[in-house]
Amino acid sequence: MLLGVGVDVVSLQRFSRSLFRTPGLLRRILTENELAEQGRLVGVPRLRVAGVPRESEPELPPDHLDAHAPGEVAAAAAFSVKEAVMKSLGIGLAKASLSDIDTAAAGSDPDEVALSGRARQRAESLDVTRINTTVEIVGRFVLAEAYAWTAQASA
């Protein structure tokens, strides 16, 4: 039975700007598995991302305006999935850590996440048996969805 749905959207330009301003940000939001995945993508040529930034968004350095490194896109996707998972569990950053959700855990299906710490405790308290996720790049945005499932049959 579907227990909860979470949706999150991340602006690639805004995420790039955050990484530019806060170099240690990736270590705070990604697990070791995700950092390894992101690291493997660093040398891949930059991706052109369609879309026009909003007028209110400050300019990035010239090399960040029209392209995003695949590692950057992977990190933004992982962040967006983590936010969507937390929403599907009905919690926020005060109740769990982003590092409690691993989008690149060995042995997990590509559309499932591995939980640990407080996120896992929350899922267990709700009898969540699995969380499926989807992620898509749409223009300059990453869109993630998470579906929390229980084994309980509906009445």
Protein backbone atom coordinates (compact mmCIF):
# COMPACT_ATOMS: atom_id res chain seq x y z
CA MET A 1 0.00 0.00 0.00
CA LEU A 2 1.27 3.46 -0.86
CA LEU A 3 1.98 5.37 2.35
CA GLY A 4 3.56 8.58 1.14
CA VAL A 5 4.70 10.49 -1.92
CA GLY A 6 7.45 13.08 -2.01
CA VAL A 7 8.39 15.40 -4.86
CA ASP A 8 11.37 17.74 -5.10
CA VAL A 9 12.73 20.08 -7.78
CA VAL A 10 16.30 21.40 -7.81
CA SER A 11 17.53 24.18 -10.08
CA LEU A 12 20.86 23.10 -11.58
CA GLN A 13 22.00 26.71 -11.74
CA ARG A 14 21.14 27.31 -8.10
CA PHE A 15 22.78 24.03 -7.04
CA SER A 16 25.94 24.96 -9.02
CA ARG A 17 25.99 28.34 -7.33
CA SER A 18 25.73 26.67 -3.91
CA LEU A 19 28.63 24.34 -4.75
CA PHE A 20 30.68 27.30 -5.98
CA ARG A 21 30.03 29.27 -2.76
CA THR A 22 30.39 26.30 -0.38
CA PRO A 23 33.10 23.87 -1.55
CA GLY A 24 32.53 21.43 1.34
CA LEU A 25 28.82 21.12 0.62
CA LEU A 26 29.08 17.79 -1.22
CA ARG A 27 30.68 16.09 1.79
CA ARG A 28 27.76 17.22 3.94
CA ILE A 29 24.97 15.99 1.67
CA LEU A 30 26.40 12.93 -0.09
CA THR A 31 27.32 9.51 1.30
CA GLU A 32 30.66 7.85 0.51
CA ASN A 33 28.93 5.76 -2.18
CA GLU A 34 27.44 8.86 -3.79
CA LEU A 35 30.75 10.75 -3.62
CA ALA A 36 32.46 7.84 -5.41
CA GLU A 37 29.75 7.86 -8.10
CA GLN A 38 29.99 11.63 -8.48
CA GLY A 39 33.79 11.39 -8.61
CA ARG A 40 33.67 8.90 -11.48
CA LEU A 41 31.69 11.43 -13.52
CA VAL A 42 33.96 14.44 -12.96
CA GLY A 43 36.11 13.81 -16.06
CA VAL A 44 33.12 13.36 -18.37
CA PRO A 45 32.53 16.31 -20.77
CA ARG A 46 30.10 18.93 -19.52
CA LEU A 47 26.43 18.58 -20.41
CA ARG A 48 24.56 21.38 -22.13
CA VAL A 49 21.40 22.09 -20.21
CA ALA A 50 18.55 23.88 -21.94
CA GLY A 51 16.62 26.69 -20.36
CA VAL A 52 16.96 30.32 -19.46
CA PRO A 53 17.80 31.39 -15.89
CA ARG A 54 15.39 33.65 -14.07
CA GLU A 55 16.29 37.33 -14.06
CA SER A 56 16.62 37.28 -10.27
CA GLU A 57 19.37 34.63 -10.32
CA PRO A 58 22.86 36.12 -10.02
CA GLU A 59 25.36 35.26 -12.72
CA LEU A 60 27.76 32.37 -12.25
CA PRO A 61 31.34 32.36 -13.53
CA PRO A 62 31.32 31.99 -17.36
CA ASP A 63 32.15 28.27 -17.27
CA HIS A 64 29.00 27.57 -15.21
CA LEU A 65 26.43 29.41 -17.34
CA ASP A 66 25.37 26.95 -20.02
CA ALA A 67 26.84 23.62 -19.01
CA HIS A 68 26.99 21.41 -15.95
CA ALA A 69 29.49 18.66 -15.30
CA PRO A 70 27.84 15.23 -15.11
CA GLY A 71 29.20 14.90 -11.56
CA GLU A 72 27.39 18.10 -10.64
CA VAL A 73 24.17 16.85 -12.22
CA ALA A 74 24.53 13.51 -10.38
CA ALA A 75 25.02 15.34 -7.08
CA ALA A 76 21.96 17.53 -7.72
CA ALA A 77 19.94 14.43 -8.60
CA ALA A 78 21.03 12.67 -5.39
CA PHE A 79 20.14 15.76 -3.35
CA SER A 80 16.72 16.02 -4.99
CA VAL A 81 15.99 12.32 -4.42
CA LYS A 82 16.97 12.62 -0.75
CA GLU A 83 14.61 15.57 -0.29
CA ALA A 84 11.78 13.66 -2.00
CA VAL A 85 12.42 10.59 0.20
CA MET A 86 12.24 12.69 3.36
CA LYS A 87 8.95 14.17 2.18
CA SER A 88 7.56 10.70 1.43
CA LEU A 89 8.35 9.76 5.04
CA GLY A 90 6.83 12.97 6.38
CA ILE A 91 10.10 14.25 7.87
CA GLY A 92 12.54 17.08 7.33
CA LEU A 93 16.18 17.84 8.10
CA ALA A 94 15.37 18.26 11.79
CA LYS A 95 14.31 14.58 11.98
CA ALA A 96 16.93 12.94 9.71
CA SER A 97 20.16 13.68 7.91
CA LEU A 98 20.67 13.72 4.15
CA SER A 99 23.49 11.23 4.71
CA ASP A 100 20.91 8.79 6.14
CA ILE A 101 19.67 8.28 2.57
CA ASP A 102 21.98 6.60 0.06
CA THR A 103 21.04 6.74 -3.62
CA ALA A 104 24.10 4.77 -4.76
CA ALA A 105 24.23 1.89 -2.26
CA ALA A 106 25.81 -1.26 -3.65
CA GLY A 107 23.24 -3.95 -4.31
CA SER A 108 20.21 -1.67 -4.29
CA ASP A 109 18.01 -1.33 -7.35
CA PRO A 110 18.66 1.84 -9.35
CA ASP A 111 15.22 3.16 -8.41
CA GLU A 112 15.47 2.34 -4.68
CA VAL A 113 17.40 3.97 -1.86
CA ALA A 114 19.14 2.52 1.19
CA LEU A 115 18.23 4.08 4.53
CA SER A 116 20.24 4.29 7.73
CA GLY A 117 20.12 6.23 10.98
CA ARG A 118 17.04 8.27 11.79
CA ALA A 119 15.57 7.92 8.27
CA ARG A 120 15.62 4.15 8.69
CA GLN A 121 14.07 4.41 12.17
CA ARG A 122 11.28 6.60 10.76
CA ALA A 123 10.64 4.16 7.90
CA GLU A 124 10.53 1.21 10.31
CA SER A 125 8.13 3.06 12.63
CA LEU A 126 5.79 3.53 9.64
CA ASP A 127 6.24 -0.09 8.48
CA VAL A 128 7.72 1.10 5.18
CA THR A 129 9.05 -1.90 3.29
CA ARG A 130 10.52 -0.06 0.30
CA ILE A 131 10.91 3.36 -1.25
CA ASN A 132 10.96 3.69 -5.03
CA THR A 133 12.31 6.81 -6.66
CA THR A 134 12.41 8.41 -10.08
CA VAL A 135 14.61 11.28 -11.21
CA GLU A 136 14.53 13.27 -14.43
CA ILE A 137 16.40 16.24 -15.86
CA VAL A 138 13.88 18.73 -17.27
CA GLY A 139 15.52 21.79 -18.81
CA ARG A 140 17.69 23.31 -16.09
CA PHE A 141 15.92 21.41 -13.32
CA VAL A 142 16.16 18.03 -11.64
CA LEU A 143 12.78 16.54 -10.72
CA ALA A 144 12.69 13.66 -8.20
CA GLU A 145 9.77 11.64 -6.89
CA ALA A 146 9.75 9.13 -4.02
CA TYR A 147 7.06 6.60 -3.15
CA ALA A 148 7.04 4.99 0.31
CA TRP A 149 5.31 1.57 0.37
CA THR A 150 4.07 -0.58 3.25
CA ALA A 151 3.25 -4.26 3.17
CA GLN A 152 -0.18 -3.64 4.73
CA ALA A 153 -3.18 -4.39 2.55
CA SER A 154 -5.76 -1.65 2.28
CA ALA A 155 -9.00 -2.23 4.20
